[in-house]
N, C-alpha and C. Protein backbone atom coordinates (compact mmCIF):
# COMPACT_ATOMS: atom_id res chain seq x y z
N MET A 1 0.85 -1.18 0.00
CA MET A 1 0.00 0.00 0.00
C MET A 1 0.89 1.23 0.00
N ALA A 2 0.60 2.14 -0.89
CA ALA A 2 1.39 3.37 -0.99
C ALA A 2 1.13 4.27 0.22
N ASN A 3 2.16 4.98 0.61
CA ASN A 3 2.00 5.93 1.72
C ASN A 3 1.18 7.12 1.28
N LEU A 4 0.27 7.54 2.13
CA LEU A 4 -0.51 8.73 1.85
C LEU A 4 0.33 9.94 2.22
N SER A 5 0.47 10.86 1.31
CA SER A 5 1.22 12.07 1.64
C SER A 5 0.28 13.06 2.32
N ALA A 6 0.85 13.94 3.12
CA ALA A 6 0.07 14.97 3.79
C ALA A 6 -0.61 15.85 2.74
N GLU A 7 0.11 16.16 1.67
CA GLU A 7 -0.45 17.01 0.61
C GLU A 7 -1.69 16.35 -0.02
N TYR A 8 -1.60 15.06 -0.27
CA TYR A 8 -2.72 14.32 -0.85
C TYR A 8 -3.94 14.38 0.08
N LEU A 9 -3.70 14.12 1.36
CA LEU A 9 -4.80 14.10 2.32
C LEU A 9 -5.41 15.50 2.50
N LEU A 10 -4.57 16.52 2.49
CA LEU A 10 -5.09 17.89 2.61
C LEU A 10 -5.90 18.28 1.38
N THR A 11 -5.52 17.75 0.22
CA THR A 11 -6.32 17.98 -1.00
C THR A 11 -7.67 17.30 -0.86
N LYS A 12 -7.67 16.07 -0.34
CA LYS A 12 -8.94 15.35 -0.13
C LYS A 12 -9.79 16.07 0.91
N LEU A 13 -9.16 16.64 1.92
CA LEU A 13 -9.88 17.41 2.94
C LEU A 13 -10.52 18.64 2.31
N SER A 14 -9.78 19.33 1.48
CA SER A 14 -10.32 20.51 0.79
C SER A 14 -11.50 20.11 -0.10
N ASP A 15 -11.36 18.98 -0.79
CA ASP A 15 -12.46 18.48 -1.64
C ASP A 15 -13.69 18.17 -0.80
N ALA A 16 -13.49 17.52 0.35
CA ALA A 16 -14.62 17.16 1.22
C ALA A 16 -15.28 18.41 1.80
N LYS A 17 -14.48 19.39 2.16
CA LYS A 17 -15.04 20.65 2.68
C LYS A 17 -15.85 21.34 1.58
N ASN A 18 -15.31 21.38 0.38
CA ASN A 18 -16.01 21.98 -0.75
C ASN A 18 -17.32 21.24 -1.02
N HIS A 19 -17.29 19.90 -0.96
CA HIS A 19 -18.49 19.09 -1.17
C HIS A 19 -19.55 19.43 -0.12
N PHE A 20 -19.13 19.53 1.14
CA PHE A 20 -20.08 19.87 2.20
C PHE A 20 -20.66 21.27 1.98
N GLU A 21 -19.81 22.22 1.62
CA GLU A 21 -20.30 23.59 1.42
C GLU A 21 -21.21 23.68 0.21
N ARG A 22 -20.95 22.91 -0.84
CA ARG A 22 -21.86 22.88 -1.99
C ARG A 22 -23.22 22.30 -1.57
N ALA A 23 -23.18 21.25 -0.76
CA ALA A 23 -24.44 20.66 -0.27
C ALA A 23 -25.17 21.65 0.62
N LEU A 24 -24.42 22.35 1.46
CA LEU A 24 -25.00 23.35 2.36
C LEU A 24 -25.68 24.46 1.56
N ASP A 25 -25.06 24.84 0.46
CA ASP A 25 -25.59 25.91 -0.40
C ASP A 25 -26.59 25.40 -1.44
N CYS A 26 -26.95 24.11 -1.34
CA CYS A 26 -27.91 23.47 -2.27
C CYS A 26 -27.43 23.53 -3.72
N LYS A 27 -26.13 23.40 -3.90
CA LYS A 27 -25.57 23.36 -5.25
C LYS A 27 -25.34 21.91 -5.66
N HIS A 28 -25.08 21.71 -6.95
CA HIS A 28 -24.91 20.38 -7.50
C HIS A 28 -23.70 19.68 -6.88
N THR A 29 -23.87 18.41 -6.51
CA THR A 29 -22.77 17.57 -6.03
C THR A 29 -22.88 16.20 -6.70
N GLU A 30 -21.90 15.34 -6.44
CA GLU A 30 -21.94 13.98 -6.99
C GLU A 30 -23.18 13.22 -6.52
N PHE A 31 -23.68 13.57 -5.34
CA PHE A 31 -24.86 12.91 -4.79
C PHE A 31 -26.06 13.08 -5.72
N ASP A 32 -26.17 14.24 -6.36
CA ASP A 32 -27.27 14.48 -7.31
C ASP A 32 -27.20 13.50 -8.48
N ASP A 33 -25.98 13.20 -8.93
CA ASP A 33 -25.80 12.27 -10.05
C ASP A 33 -26.07 10.83 -9.64
N LEU A 34 -25.72 10.50 -8.41
CA LEU A 34 -25.91 9.13 -7.94
C LEU A 34 -27.38 8.79 -7.69
N TYR A 35 -28.12 9.79 -7.21
CA TYR A 35 -29.52 9.56 -6.84
C TYR A 35 -30.44 10.62 -7.44
N PRO A 36 -30.53 10.70 -8.77
CA PRO A 36 -31.33 11.76 -9.38
C PRO A 36 -32.82 11.70 -9.01
N TYR A 37 -33.33 10.52 -8.72
CA TYR A 37 -34.73 10.38 -8.34
C TYR A 37 -35.02 10.99 -6.97
N MET A 38 -33.98 11.19 -6.16
CA MET A 38 -34.17 11.71 -4.80
C MET A 38 -34.59 13.18 -4.79
N ILE A 39 -34.30 13.91 -5.85
CA ILE A 39 -34.62 15.33 -5.88
C ILE A 39 -36.10 15.57 -5.60
N GLU A 40 -36.94 14.62 -5.95
CA GLU A 40 -38.38 14.76 -5.75
C GLU A 40 -38.79 14.59 -4.29
N HIS A 41 -37.90 14.09 -3.45
CA HIS A 41 -38.25 13.82 -2.06
C HIS A 41 -37.87 14.99 -1.15
N PRO A 42 -38.75 15.33 -0.21
CA PRO A 42 -38.49 16.48 0.67
C PRO A 42 -37.22 16.34 1.52
N GLN A 43 -36.84 15.12 1.82
CA GLN A 43 -35.65 14.91 2.66
C GLN A 43 -34.35 14.96 1.86
N PHE A 44 -34.42 15.16 0.57
CA PHE A 44 -33.25 15.07 -0.29
C PHE A 44 -32.09 15.93 0.21
N PHE A 45 -32.34 17.20 0.50
CA PHE A 45 -31.25 18.08 0.87
C PHE A 45 -30.66 17.71 2.23
N TRP A 46 -31.50 17.15 3.11
CA TRP A 46 -30.97 16.68 4.39
C TRP A 46 -30.02 15.52 4.15
N TYR A 47 -30.42 14.55 3.33
CA TYR A 47 -29.56 13.40 3.02
C TYR A 47 -28.26 13.85 2.35
N LYS A 48 -28.41 14.76 1.42
CA LYS A 48 -27.26 15.26 0.67
C LYS A 48 -26.24 15.89 1.63
N ARG A 49 -26.73 16.68 2.55
CA ARG A 49 -25.85 17.32 3.53
C ARG A 49 -25.24 16.29 4.47
N TYR A 50 -26.02 15.32 4.87
CA TYR A 50 -25.53 14.26 5.75
C TYR A 50 -24.39 13.48 5.09
N VAL A 51 -24.57 13.14 3.82
CA VAL A 51 -23.53 12.41 3.08
C VAL A 51 -22.26 13.24 3.01
N ALA A 52 -22.37 14.50 2.70
CA ALA A 52 -21.20 15.37 2.59
C ALA A 52 -20.53 15.56 3.95
N TRP A 53 -21.33 15.70 5.01
CA TRP A 53 -20.80 15.84 6.37
C TRP A 53 -20.04 14.57 6.77
N SER A 54 -20.61 13.42 6.46
CA SER A 54 -19.96 12.14 6.78
C SER A 54 -18.63 12.00 6.06
N GLU A 55 -18.59 12.41 4.82
CA GLU A 55 -17.35 12.36 4.05
C GLU A 55 -16.30 13.27 4.70
N LEU A 56 -16.71 14.47 5.08
CA LEU A 56 -15.80 15.42 5.72
C LEU A 56 -15.24 14.83 7.01
N LEU A 57 -16.11 14.27 7.83
CA LEU A 57 -15.66 13.68 9.10
C LEU A 57 -14.71 12.51 8.88
N THR A 58 -14.94 11.73 7.84
CA THR A 58 -14.08 10.59 7.54
C THR A 58 -12.67 11.07 7.18
N VAL A 59 -12.57 12.09 6.34
CA VAL A 59 -11.25 12.60 5.95
C VAL A 59 -10.56 13.24 7.15
N VAL A 60 -11.31 13.94 7.99
CA VAL A 60 -10.72 14.53 9.20
C VAL A 60 -10.19 13.42 10.12
N LYS A 61 -10.95 12.36 10.27
CA LYS A 61 -10.52 11.25 11.13
C LYS A 61 -9.22 10.64 10.60
N LEU A 62 -9.14 10.43 9.31
CA LEU A 62 -7.90 9.90 8.72
C LEU A 62 -6.74 10.86 8.95
N SER A 63 -7.00 12.15 8.80
CA SER A 63 -5.96 13.16 9.03
C SER A 63 -5.45 13.09 10.46
N GLU A 64 -6.38 12.98 11.40
CA GLU A 64 -5.98 12.90 12.81
C GLU A 64 -5.17 11.63 13.08
N GLU A 65 -5.61 10.51 12.51
CA GLU A 65 -4.90 9.25 12.72
C GLU A 65 -3.48 9.31 12.16
N LEU A 66 -3.30 10.07 11.08
CA LEU A 66 -1.98 10.21 10.46
C LEU A 66 -1.23 11.44 10.99
N GLU A 67 -1.80 12.07 12.01
CA GLU A 67 -1.21 13.24 12.66
C GLU A 67 -0.93 14.38 11.69
N ILE A 68 -1.90 14.63 10.81
CA ILE A 68 -1.84 15.74 9.86
C ILE A 68 -2.78 16.82 10.36
N ASP A 69 -2.27 18.04 10.47
CA ASP A 69 -3.08 19.16 10.97
C ASP A 69 -4.10 19.56 9.91
N TRP A 70 -5.35 19.31 10.21
CA TRP A 70 -6.43 19.60 9.27
C TRP A 70 -7.12 20.93 9.56
N LYS A 71 -6.92 21.49 10.74
CA LYS A 71 -7.68 22.66 11.17
C LYS A 71 -7.35 23.93 10.39
N GLY A 72 -6.21 23.97 9.72
CA GLY A 72 -5.82 25.16 8.97
C GLY A 72 -6.75 25.53 7.84
N GLN A 73 -7.55 24.58 7.38
CA GLN A 73 -8.47 24.85 6.27
C GLN A 73 -9.84 25.33 6.75
N PHE A 74 -9.99 25.50 8.05
CA PHE A 74 -11.29 25.85 8.63
C PHE A 74 -11.15 27.06 9.54
N THR A 75 -12.26 27.75 9.74
CA THR A 75 -12.27 28.79 10.76
C THR A 75 -12.28 28.10 12.11
N GLU A 76 -12.04 28.85 13.16
CA GLU A 76 -12.04 28.26 14.50
C GLU A 76 -13.40 27.63 14.82
N LYS A 77 -14.47 28.34 14.47
CA LYS A 77 -15.83 27.84 14.73
C LYS A 77 -16.09 26.55 13.94
N GLN A 78 -15.70 26.55 12.67
CA GLN A 78 -15.90 25.35 11.84
C GLN A 78 -15.13 24.17 12.41
N SER A 79 -13.91 24.42 12.88
CA SER A 79 -13.11 23.36 13.50
C SER A 79 -13.83 22.79 14.71
N GLU A 80 -14.46 23.66 15.50
CA GLU A 80 -15.21 23.20 16.67
C GLU A 80 -16.38 22.32 16.24
N TYR A 81 -17.09 22.72 15.19
CA TYR A 81 -18.21 21.92 14.70
C TYR A 81 -17.73 20.54 14.25
N VAL A 82 -16.64 20.52 13.50
CA VAL A 82 -16.11 19.25 12.99
C VAL A 82 -15.65 18.38 14.15
N THR A 83 -14.98 18.97 15.12
CA THR A 83 -14.50 18.23 16.28
C THR A 83 -15.66 17.61 17.08
N SER A 84 -16.78 18.36 17.16
CA SER A 84 -17.93 17.83 17.90
C SER A 84 -18.65 16.73 17.12
N ARG A 85 -18.41 16.67 15.81
CA ARG A 85 -18.88 15.61 14.92
C ARG A 85 -20.39 15.58 14.69
N VAL A 86 -21.16 16.41 15.35
CA VAL A 86 -22.61 16.37 15.22
C VAL A 86 -23.06 17.46 14.24
N MET A 87 -23.75 17.05 13.18
CA MET A 87 -24.29 18.04 12.24
C MET A 87 -25.63 18.50 12.77
N SER A 88 -25.61 19.62 13.46
CA SER A 88 -26.82 20.17 14.05
C SER A 88 -27.34 21.31 13.18
N SER A 89 -28.50 21.82 13.53
CA SER A 89 -29.03 22.98 12.81
C SER A 89 -28.09 24.17 12.97
N ARG A 90 -27.40 24.23 14.11
CA ARG A 90 -26.43 25.31 14.33
C ARG A 90 -25.30 25.25 13.31
N VAL A 91 -24.82 24.05 13.03
CA VAL A 91 -23.76 23.89 12.03
C VAL A 91 -24.28 24.38 10.68
N LEU A 92 -25.48 23.96 10.32
CA LEU A 92 -26.05 24.34 9.03
C LEU A 92 -26.28 25.85 8.95
N ASP A 93 -26.74 26.45 10.04
CA ASP A 93 -27.06 27.88 10.06
C ASP A 93 -25.83 28.76 10.20
N GLU A 94 -24.81 28.26 10.90
CA GLU A 94 -23.68 29.13 11.26
C GLU A 94 -22.34 28.68 10.69
N TRP A 95 -22.35 27.77 9.73
CA TRP A 95 -21.09 27.33 9.12
C TRP A 95 -20.31 28.52 8.59
N TYR A 96 -21.03 29.39 7.89
CA TYR A 96 -20.44 30.66 7.45
C TYR A 96 -20.72 31.62 8.60
N GLU A 97 -19.70 32.13 9.23
CA GLU A 97 -19.83 32.76 10.54
C GLU A 97 -20.84 33.89 10.64
N THR A 98 -20.89 34.76 9.65
CA THR A 98 -21.91 35.81 9.67
C THR A 98 -22.48 35.96 8.26
N ASN A 99 -23.65 36.50 8.18
CA ASN A 99 -24.25 36.71 6.86
C ASN A 99 -23.42 37.67 6.02
N ASP A 100 -22.71 38.60 6.69
CA ASP A 100 -21.90 39.57 5.96
C ASP A 100 -20.67 38.96 5.31
N SER A 101 -20.16 37.88 5.92
CA SER A 101 -18.90 37.33 5.42
C SER A 101 -19.06 35.98 4.73
N LYS A 102 -20.26 35.64 4.32
CA LYS A 102 -20.46 34.35 3.65
C LYS A 102 -19.61 34.31 2.37
N GLU A 103 -18.84 33.27 2.29
CA GLU A 103 -18.07 33.04 1.08
C GLU A 103 -18.50 31.69 0.53
N HIS A 104 -19.64 31.70 -0.11
CA HIS A 104 -20.18 30.45 -0.61
C HIS A 104 -19.33 29.92 -1.75
N VAL A 105 -19.31 28.63 -1.88
CA VAL A 105 -18.54 27.99 -2.93
C VAL A 105 -19.20 28.25 -4.27
N SER A 106 -18.39 28.27 -5.30
CA SER A 106 -18.97 28.51 -6.62
C SER A 106 -19.04 27.25 -7.43
């Protein structure tokens, strides 16, 4: 098995963060392609966000196990949310710290 480089894992972390933020902003993600029929269901966006959150937590867990500092890609508040591991309404509402400084993914 090839060694995972820190750079590779940080790229995957950035991808997972971007995926979560796209789901948070209700933008297109791979999940839409995998389950196109789900768009008709009211719970779709909740599932989509849950999948993206789970992916983010998985990459963070791997980073921690490999002793790679992952917090540099997040604000302090976001790091706290990720560390607590629970995707609550607060995480969804306050991921972008204030309405004035929202930097939504494109």
